[in-house]
Amino acid sequence: MTRIAVVGGHGKVARHLHPLLVEAGLQPVALVRREEYRDELEAQGAEVRLLDIEQDDAAAFAWAFDGCSAVVFAAGGGADGNVERKKTVDLGGSLKSIEGAQEAGIRRFVQVSAISVDDPLPEDTAEVWRAYVEAKRDADAALRDSGLDWTILRPGRLTDDPATGRVTLAPDAAPGDVTRADVAQVIATVLATDLGVGAQWNLVEGETPVAEAVEAAAR
C-alpha cells in the first residue's frame, strides 16, 4: 500500500487527514514525538513513527520517511507566543522534511502553509506574527526551489467547524475562513489524484465540491 508520511501527525489537520487517506486507499504514516499518541492515531488507521521535529536532524527525517511515496508537512509551532518555535518548527521542520525527502528518494511533497505570507507586513506587526509569516514564506520558497514535485496549500483562517466539502481553491483567492476538515480533504484529494504538482493555491471556504475544485485549479 502507498504510504504517506505526515509530519505533524498529531496536529488538528492531520487528525482529519488520516481517515481520509485510508478511505482513499493510502496508508498514513503519522510522525509524532510522543509515544502516548500511538493508540489514538492507530485507531484512525495510521502507522505511527516517532520523530522530534525540533531535535532530530534531516537524516532522522529520511529514516522516518522510509518506505513512503509522499510527504505532507502539516506541522506548526502553534499559537504559543514563542518566536523561536516558529523558526524551529514552521521553517526548520519544513527544511528538514524537504532534505529528508530528497535523501529518501521521495519526490511528492505537499505543504500546508498560510494565506498571504508573501505580502509585505506593516511595520507595527507583532513580533510573533511576523516570525510566523516569515517562517511560512521562507519554507514555501525553499520547497519551490527544491526540485521536488511540490504542492503548496495556503489556507485562510482555520476553524474547527464541521467539514463543508466545498472550497475555493486558486492562486489568488481572497482571504477568508476554512475548516481544518476541508483542508484535510483537499490534501487527501491532491495525493489520491496526483494533481497540483507545481501549484501554489490559496484555500478558503467556497461553493465548489473539493474534488471539482482541485481538478479545476490543476488545469
C-alpha atoms as a PDB file:
ATOM      1  CA  MET A   1       0.000   0.000   0.000  1.00  0.00           C
ATOM      2  CA  THR A   2       1.211   3.513  -0.793  1.00  0.00           C
ATOM      3  CA  ARG A   3       2.463   5.161   2.394  1.00  0.00           C
ATOM      4  CA  ILE A   4       2.110   8.892   3.028  1.00  0.00           C
ATOM      5  CA  ALA A   5       4.374  10.419   5.697  1.00  0.00           C
ATOM      6  CA  VAL A   6       2.543  13.112   7.675  1.00  0.00           C
ATOM      7  CA  VAL A   7       4.865  15.457   9.578  1.00  0.00           C
ATOM      8  CA  GLY A   8       2.939  16.905  12.474  1.00  0.00           C
ATOM      9  CA  GLY A   9       0.939  13.689  12.615  1.00  0.00           C
ATOM     10  CA  HIS A  10      -0.995  14.576  15.763  1.00  0.00           C
ATOM     11  CA  GLY A  11      -1.936  18.063  14.628  1.00  0.00           C
ATOM     12  CA  LYS A  12      -5.524  19.143  14.102  1.00  0.00           C
ATOM     13  CA  VAL A  13      -5.361  18.955  10.304  1.00  0.00           C
ATOM     14  CA  ALA A  14      -3.519  15.633  10.411  1.00  0.00           C
ATOM     15  CA  ARG A  15      -6.134  14.004  12.611  1.00  0.00           C
ATOM     16  CA  HIS A  16      -8.746  14.846   9.991  1.00  0.00           C
ATOM     17  CA  LEU A  17      -6.397  13.677   7.234  1.00  0.00           C
ATOM     18  CA  HIS A  18      -5.543  10.157   8.410  1.00  0.00           C
ATOM     19  CA  PRO A  19      -9.024   8.619   7.965  1.00  0.00           C
ATOM     20  CA  LEU A  20      -9.392  10.334   4.588  1.00  0.00           C
ATOM     21  CA  LEU A  21      -6.148   8.827   3.346  1.00  0.00           C
ATOM     22  CA  VAL A  22      -7.275   5.387   4.498  1.00  0.00           C
ATOM     23  CA  GLU A  23     -10.585   5.899   2.695  1.00  0.00           C
ATOM     24  CA  ALA A  24      -8.638   6.770  -0.464  1.00  0.00           C
ATOM     25  CA  GLY A  25      -6.646   3.536  -0.245  1.00  0.00           C
ATOM     26  CA  LEU A  26      -3.499   5.200   1.083  1.00  0.00           C
ATOM     27  CA  GLN A  27      -1.610   4.377   4.284  1.00  0.00           C
ATOM     28  CA  PRO A  28      -0.947   7.381   6.526  1.00  0.00           C
ATOM     29  CA  VAL A  29       2.299   7.309   8.493  1.00  0.00           C
ATOM     30  CA  ALA A  30       1.889   9.719  11.405  1.00  0.00           C
ATOM     31  CA  LEU A  31       5.191  11.198  12.559  1.00  0.00           C
ATOM     32  CA  VAL A  32       4.896  12.332  16.170  1.00  0.00           C
ATOM     33  CA  ARG A  33       7.235  12.994  19.062  1.00  0.00           C
ATOM     34  CA  ARG A  34       5.212  11.273  21.790  1.00  0.00           C
ATOM     35  CA  GLU A  35       4.528   7.576  22.172  1.00  0.00           C
ATOM     36  CA  GLU A  36       1.325   8.408  24.046  1.00  0.00           C
ATOM     37  CA  TYR A  37      -0.344   9.389  20.756  1.00  0.00           C
ATOM     38  CA  ARG A  38       0.035   5.900  19.280  1.00  0.00           C
ATOM     39  CA  ASP A  39      -3.267   4.313  20.312  1.00  0.00           C
ATOM     40  CA  GLU A  40      -5.348   7.292  19.179  1.00  0.00           C
ATOM     41  CA  LEU A  41      -3.668   7.508  15.772  1.00  0.00           C
ATOM     42  CA  GLU A  42      -3.605   3.772  15.147  1.00  0.00           C
ATOM     43  CA  ALA A  43      -7.349   3.782  15.790  1.00  0.00           C
ATOM     44  CA  GLN A  44      -7.595   6.198  12.851  1.00  0.00           C
ATOM     45  CA  GLY A  45      -5.724   3.743  10.639  1.00  0.00           C
ATOM     46  CA  ALA A  46      -2.332   5.457  10.802  1.00  0.00           C
ATOM     47  CA  GLU A  47       1.020   3.788  11.190  1.00  0.00           C
ATOM     48  CA  VAL A  48       2.917   5.657  13.909  1.00  0.00           C
ATOM     49  CA  ARG A  49       6.609   6.536  13.867  1.00  0.00           C
ATOM     50  CA  LEU A  50       8.437   8.726  16.377  1.00  0.00           C
ATOM     51  CA  LEU A  51      10.120  11.915  15.166  1.00  0.00           C
ATOM     52  CA  ASP A  52      11.033  15.095  17.049  1.00  0.00           C
ATOM     53  CA  ILE A  53      10.733  17.929  14.552  1.00  0.00           C
ATOM     54  CA  GLU A  54      12.889  20.310  16.555  1.00  0.00           C
ATOM     55  CA  GLN A  55      15.561  17.959  17.911  1.00  0.00           C
ATOM     56  CA  ASP A  56      16.044  15.407  15.112  1.00  0.00           C
ATOM     57  CA  ASP A  57      18.196  16.107  12.062  1.00  0.00           C
ATOM     58  CA  ALA A  58      17.415  15.635   8.374  1.00  0.00           C
ATOM     59  CA  ALA A  59      18.882  12.131   8.414  1.00  0.00           C
ATOM     60  CA  ALA A  60      16.348  11.151  11.069  1.00  0.00           C
ATOM     61  CA  PHE A  61      13.595  12.586   8.889  1.00  0.00           C
ATOM     62  CA  ALA A  62      14.838  10.498   5.959  1.00  0.00           C
ATOM     63  CA  TRP A  63      14.792   7.405   8.171  1.00  0.00           C
ATOM     64  CA  ALA A  64      11.248   8.207   9.331  1.00  0.00           C
ATOM     65  CA  PHE A  65      10.157   8.569   5.687  1.00  0.00           C
ATOM     66  CA  ASP A  66      11.451   5.106   4.754  1.00  0.00           C
ATOM     67  CA  GLY A  67       9.020   3.234   2.509  1.00  0.00           C
ATOM     68  CA  CYS A  68       6.832   6.300   1.904  1.00  0.00           C
ATOM     69  CA  SER A  69       5.930   7.701  -1.509  1.00  0.00           C
ATOM     70  CA  ALA A  70       4.974  11.223  -0.437  1.00  0.00           C
ATOM     71  CA  VAL A  71       5.435  13.670   2.433  1.00  0.00           C
ATOM     72  CA  VAL A  72       2.830  16.011   3.881  1.00  0.00           C
ATOM     73  CA  PHE A  73       4.215  18.827   6.012  1.00  0.00           C
ATOM     74  CA  ALA A  74       1.324  19.794   8.267  1.00  0.00           C
ATOM     75  CA  ALA A  75       3.237  20.863  11.369  1.00  0.00           C
ATOM     76  CA  GLY A  76       3.112  24.239  13.076  1.00  0.00           C
ATOM     77  CA  GLY A  77       4.534  25.880  16.172  1.00  0.00           C
ATOM     78  CA  GLY A  78       1.059  26.813  17.338  1.00  0.00           C
ATOM     79  CA  ALA A  79      -0.287  29.960  18.955  1.00  0.00           C
ATOM     80  CA  ASP A  80       2.072  29.716  21.925  1.00  0.00           C
ATOM     81  CA  GLY A  81       3.656  33.145  21.611  1.00  0.00           C
ATOM     82  CA  ASN A  82       7.086  31.562  21.131  1.00  0.00           C
ATOM     83  CA  VAL A  83       9.014  33.279  18.345  1.00  0.00           C
ATOM     84  CA  GLU A  84      11.779  30.695  18.337  1.00  0.00           C
ATOM     85  CA  ARG A  85       9.376  27.798  17.686  1.00  0.00           C
ATOM     86  CA  LYS A  86       8.199  29.475  14.517  1.00  0.00           C
ATOM     87  CA  LYS A  87      11.782  29.175  13.301  1.00  0.00           C
ATOM     88  CA  THR A  88      12.415  25.640  14.561  1.00  0.00           C
ATOM     89  CA  VAL A  89       9.038  24.107  13.635  1.00  0.00           C
ATOM     90  CA  ASP A  90       7.382  26.080  10.842  1.00  0.00           C
ATOM     91  CA  LEU A  91      10.630  26.781   8.995  1.00  0.00           C
ATOM     92  CA  GLY A  92      13.194  24.332  10.355  1.00  0.00           C
ATOM     93  CA  GLY A  93      10.791  21.417  10.314  1.00  0.00           C
ATOM     94  CA  SER A  94       9.888  22.105   6.710  1.00  0.00           C
ATOM     95  CA  LEU A  95      13.528  22.437   5.644  1.00  0.00           C
ATOM     96  CA  LYS A  96      14.455  19.141   7.308  1.00  0.00           C
ATOM     97  CA  SER A  97      11.401  17.481   5.771  1.00  0.00           C
ATOM     98  CA  ILE A  98      12.466  18.660   2.315  1.00  0.00           C
ATOM     99  CA  GLU A  99      16.031  17.440   2.846  1.00  0.00           C
ATOM    100  CA  GLY A 100      14.790  14.182   4.348  1.00  0.00           C
ATOM    101  CA  ALA A 101      12.521  13.570   1.363  1.00  0.00           C
ATOM    102  CA  GLN A 102      15.412  14.182  -1.008  1.00  0.00           C
ATOM    103  CA  GLU A 103      17.654  11.783   0.942  1.00  0.00           C
ATOM    104  CA  ALA A 104      14.902   9.149   0.994  1.00  0.00           C
ATOM    105  CA  GLY A 105      14.294   9.462  -2.756  1.00  0.00           C
ATOM    106  CA  ILE A 106      10.744  10.796  -2.294  1.00  0.00           C
ATOM    107  CA  ARG A 107       9.601  13.313  -4.889  1.00  0.00           C
ATOM    108  CA  ARG A 108       5.993  14.127  -3.928  1.00  0.00           C
ATOM    109  CA  PHE A 109       5.644  16.778  -1.220  1.00  0.00           C
ATOM    110  CA  VAL A 110       2.515  18.631  -0.067  1.00  0.00           C
ATOM    111  CA  GLN A 111       2.979  21.563   2.301  1.00  0.00           C
ATOM    112  CA  VAL A 112       0.339  23.318   4.401  1.00  0.00           C
ATOM    113  CA  SER A 113       1.301  26.972   4.583  1.00  0.00           C
ATOM    114  CA  ALA A 114      -0.824  30.084   5.216  1.00  0.00           C
ATOM    115  CA  ILE A 115      -2.557  32.630   3.059  1.00  0.00           C
ATOM    116  CA  SER A 116      -0.913  35.964   2.161  1.00  0.00           C
ATOM    117  CA  VAL A 117       2.524  35.153   3.587  1.00  0.00           C
ATOM    118  CA  ASP A 118       4.233  36.735   0.576  1.00  0.00           C
ATOM    119  CA  ASP A 119       2.562  40.082   1.250  1.00  0.00           C
ATOM    120  CA  PRO A 120       4.631  42.830   2.933  1.00  0.00           C
ATOM    121  CA  LEU A 121       3.989  43.176   6.663  1.00  0.00           C
ATOM    122  CA  PRO A 122       3.154  46.525   8.307  1.00  0.00           C
ATOM    123  CA  GLU A 123       5.932  47.987  10.441  1.00  0.00           C
ATOM    124  CA  ASP A 124       3.851  47.585  13.600  1.00  0.00           C
ATOM    125  CA  THR A 125       3.258  43.825  13.080  1.00  0.00           C
ATOM    126  CA  ALA A 126       3.534  41.891  16.339  1.00  0.00           C
ATOM    127  CA  GLU A 127       6.823  40.004  16.739  1.00  0.00           C
ATOM    128  CA  VAL A 128       5.289  36.528  16.950  1.00  0.00           C
ATOM    129  CA  TRP A 129       3.042  37.032  13.931  1.00  0.00           C
ATOM    130  CA  ARG A 130       5.967  38.407  11.916  1.00  0.00           C
ATOM    131  CA  ALA A 131       8.051  35.365  12.828  1.00  0.00           C
ATOM    132  CA  TYR A 132       5.225  33.019  11.802  1.00  0.00           C
ATOM    133  CA  VAL A 133       4.598  34.699   8.447  1.00  0.00           C
ATOM    134  CA  GLU A 134       8.302  34.889   7.615  1.00  0.00           C
ATOM    135  CA  ALA A 135       8.791  31.228   8.545  1.00  0.00           C
ATOM    136  CA  LYS A 136       5.947  30.088   6.293  1.00  0.00           C
ATOM    137  CA  ARG A 137       7.105  32.380   3.488  1.00  0.00           C
ATOM    138  CA  ASP A 138      10.678  31.084   3.614  1.00  0.00           C
ATOM    139  CA  ALA A 139       9.568  27.450   3.900  1.00  0.00           C
ATOM    140  CA  ASP A 140       7.441  27.839   0.781  1.00  0.00           C
ATOM    141  CA  ALA A 141      10.311  29.445  -1.117  1.00  0.00           C
ATOM    142  CA  ALA A 142      12.613  26.581  -0.155  1.00  0.00           C
ATOM    143  CA  LEU A 143      10.095  23.999  -1.304  1.00  0.00           C
ATOM    144  CA  ARG A 144       9.557  25.755  -4.631  1.00  0.00           C
ATOM    145  CA  ASP A 145      13.342  25.680  -5.175  1.00  0.00           C
ATOM    146  CA  SER A 146      13.763  22.061  -4.029  1.00  0.00           C
ATOM    147  CA  GLY A 147      13.234  20.265  -7.322  1.00  0.00           C
ATOM    148  CA  LEU A 148      10.575  18.085  -5.688  1.00  0.00           C
ATOM    149  CA  ASP A 149       7.072  17.531  -7.076  1.00  0.00           C
ATOM    150  CA  TRP A 150       5.505  20.009  -4.696  1.00  0.00           C
ATOM    151  CA  THR A 151       2.077  21.390  -3.958  1.00  0.00           C
ATOM    152  CA  ILE A 152       1.678  24.309  -1.544  1.00  0.00           C
ATOM    153  CA  LEU A 153      -1.706  24.869   0.079  1.00  0.00           C
ATOM    154  CA  ARG A 154      -2.247  28.247   1.731  1.00  0.00           C
ATOM    155  CA  PRO A 155      -5.371  28.104   3.902  1.00  0.00           C
ATOM    156  CA  GLY A 156      -7.108  31.142   5.273  1.00  0.00           C
ATOM    157  CA  ARG A 157      -8.087  31.430   8.938  1.00  0.00           C
ATOM    158  CA  LEU A 158      -8.514  27.874  10.180  1.00  0.00           C
ATOM    159  CA  THR A 159     -11.627  26.863  12.102  1.00  0.00           C
ATOM    160  CA  ASP A 160     -12.757  23.700  13.844  1.00  0.00           C
ATOM    161  CA  ASP A 161     -16.223  23.786  12.289  1.00  0.00           C
ATOM    162  CA  PRO A 162     -17.505  20.619  10.595  1.00  0.00           C
ATOM    163  CA  ALA A 163     -16.375  19.909   7.060  1.00  0.00           C
ATOM    164  CA  THR A 164     -18.433  21.543   4.320  1.00  0.00           C
ATOM    165  CA  GLY A 165     -16.881  19.604   1.431  1.00  0.00           C
ATOM    166  CA  ARG A 166     -16.863  22.832  -0.578  1.00  0.00           C
ATOM    167  CA  VAL A 167     -13.974  25.251  -1.062  1.00  0.00           C
ATOM    168  CA  THR A 168     -12.446  27.993  -3.152  1.00  0.00           C
ATOM    169  CA  LEU A 169      -9.015  26.973  -4.439  1.00  0.00           C
ATOM    170  CA  ALA A 170      -6.963  29.333  -6.587  1.00  0.00           C
ATOM    171  CA  PRO A 171      -3.588  31.127  -6.584  1.00  0.00           C
ATOM    172  CA  ASP A 172      -5.291  34.462  -5.916  1.00  0.00           C
ATOM    173  CA  ALA A 173      -8.333  33.501  -3.810  1.00  0.00           C
ATOM    174  CA  ALA A 174      -9.182  36.289  -1.354  1.00  0.00           C
ATOM    175  CA  PRO A 175      -8.552  35.692   2.368  1.00  0.00           C
ATOM    176  CA  GLY A 176     -11.330  34.022   4.319  1.00  0.00           C
ATOM    177  CA  ASP A 177     -12.061  31.188   6.724  1.00  0.00           C
ATOM    178  CA  VAL A 178     -11.743  27.480   6.026  1.00  0.00           C
ATOM    179  CA  THR A 179     -12.304  24.436   8.201  1.00  0.00           C
ATOM    180  CA  ARG A 180      -9.374  22.198   9.084  1.00  0.00           C
ATOM    181  CA  ALA A 181     -11.503  19.275   7.930  1.00  0.00           C
ATOM    182  CA  ASP A 182     -11.839  20.804   4.464  1.00  0.00           C
ATOM    183  CA  VAL A 183      -8.087  21.458   4.315  1.00  0.00           C
ATOM    184  CA  ALA A 184      -7.538  17.774   5.054  1.00  0.00           C
ATOM    185  CA  GLN A 185      -9.957  16.818   2.282  1.00  0.00           C
ATOM    186  CA  VAL A 186      -8.018  18.914  -0.218  1.00  0.00           C
ATOM    187  CA  ILE A 187      -4.720  17.311   0.854  1.00  0.00           C
ATOM    188  CA  ALA A 188      -6.194  13.824   0.501  1.00  0.00           C
ATOM    189  CA  THR A 189      -7.637  14.638  -2.917  1.00  0.00           C
ATOM    190  CA  VAL A 190      -4.359  16.100  -4.190  1.00  0.00           C
ATOM    191  CA  LEU A 191      -2.500  12.971  -3.097  1.00  0.00           C
ATOM    192  CA  ALA A 192      -5.077  10.495  -4.373  1.00  0.00           C
ATOM    193  CA  THR A 193      -5.263  12.144  -7.808  1.00  0.00           C
ATOM    194  CA  ASP A 194      -1.641  13.378  -8.049  1.00  0.00           C
ATOM    195  CA  LEU A 195      -2.980  16.709  -9.256  1.00  0.00           C
ATOM    196  CA  GLY A 196      -1.451  20.066  -8.394  1.00  0.00           C
ATOM    197  CA  VAL A 197       2.237  19.352  -8.903  1.00  0.00           C
ATOM    198  CA  GLY A 198       3.980  22.727  -9.080  1.00  0.00           C
ATOM    199  CA  ALA A 199       0.862  24.550  -7.875  1.00  0.00           C
ATOM    200  CA  GLN A 200       0.514  27.041  -5.027  1.00  0.00           C
ATOM    201  CA  TRP A 201      -3.099  27.672  -4.086  1.00  0.00           C
ATOM    202  CA  ASN A 202      -4.938  29.800  -1.585  1.00  0.00           C
ATOM    203  CA  LEU A 203      -7.637  27.744   0.133  1.00  0.00           C
ATOM    204  CA  VAL A 204     -10.771  29.195   1.706  1.00  0.00           C
ATOM    205  CA  GLU A 205     -14.409  28.268   2.093  1.00  0.00           C
ATOM    206  CA  GLY A 206     -16.471  28.268  -1.081  1.00  0.00           C
ATOM    207  CA  GLU A 207     -19.228  26.650  -3.117  1.00  0.00           C
ATOM    208  CA  THR A 208     -17.288  24.142  -5.238  1.00  0.00           C
ATOM    209  CA  PRO A 209     -17.017  20.493  -4.135  1.00  0.00           C
ATOM    210  CA  VAL A 210     -13.436  19.661  -3.188  1.00  0.00           C
ATOM    211  CA  ALA A 211     -12.780  17.164  -5.995  1.00  0.00           C
ATOM    212  CA  GLU A 212     -14.101  19.586  -8.608  1.00  0.00           C
ATOM    213  CA  ALA A 213     -12.135  22.488  -7.108  1.00  0.00           C
ATOM    214  CA  VAL A 214      -8.874  20.537  -7.227  1.00  0.00           C
ATOM    215  CA  GLU A 215      -9.469  19.389 -10.794  1.00  0.00           C
ATOM    216  CA  ALA A 216     -10.350  22.898 -11.977  1.00  0.00           C
ATOM    217  CA  ALA A 217      -7.401  24.535 -10.195  1.00  0.00           C
ATOM    218  CA  ALA A 218      -4.987  21.991 -11.665  1.00  0.00           C
ATOM    219  CA  ARG A 219      -5.961  22.701 -15.278  1.00  0.00           C
END
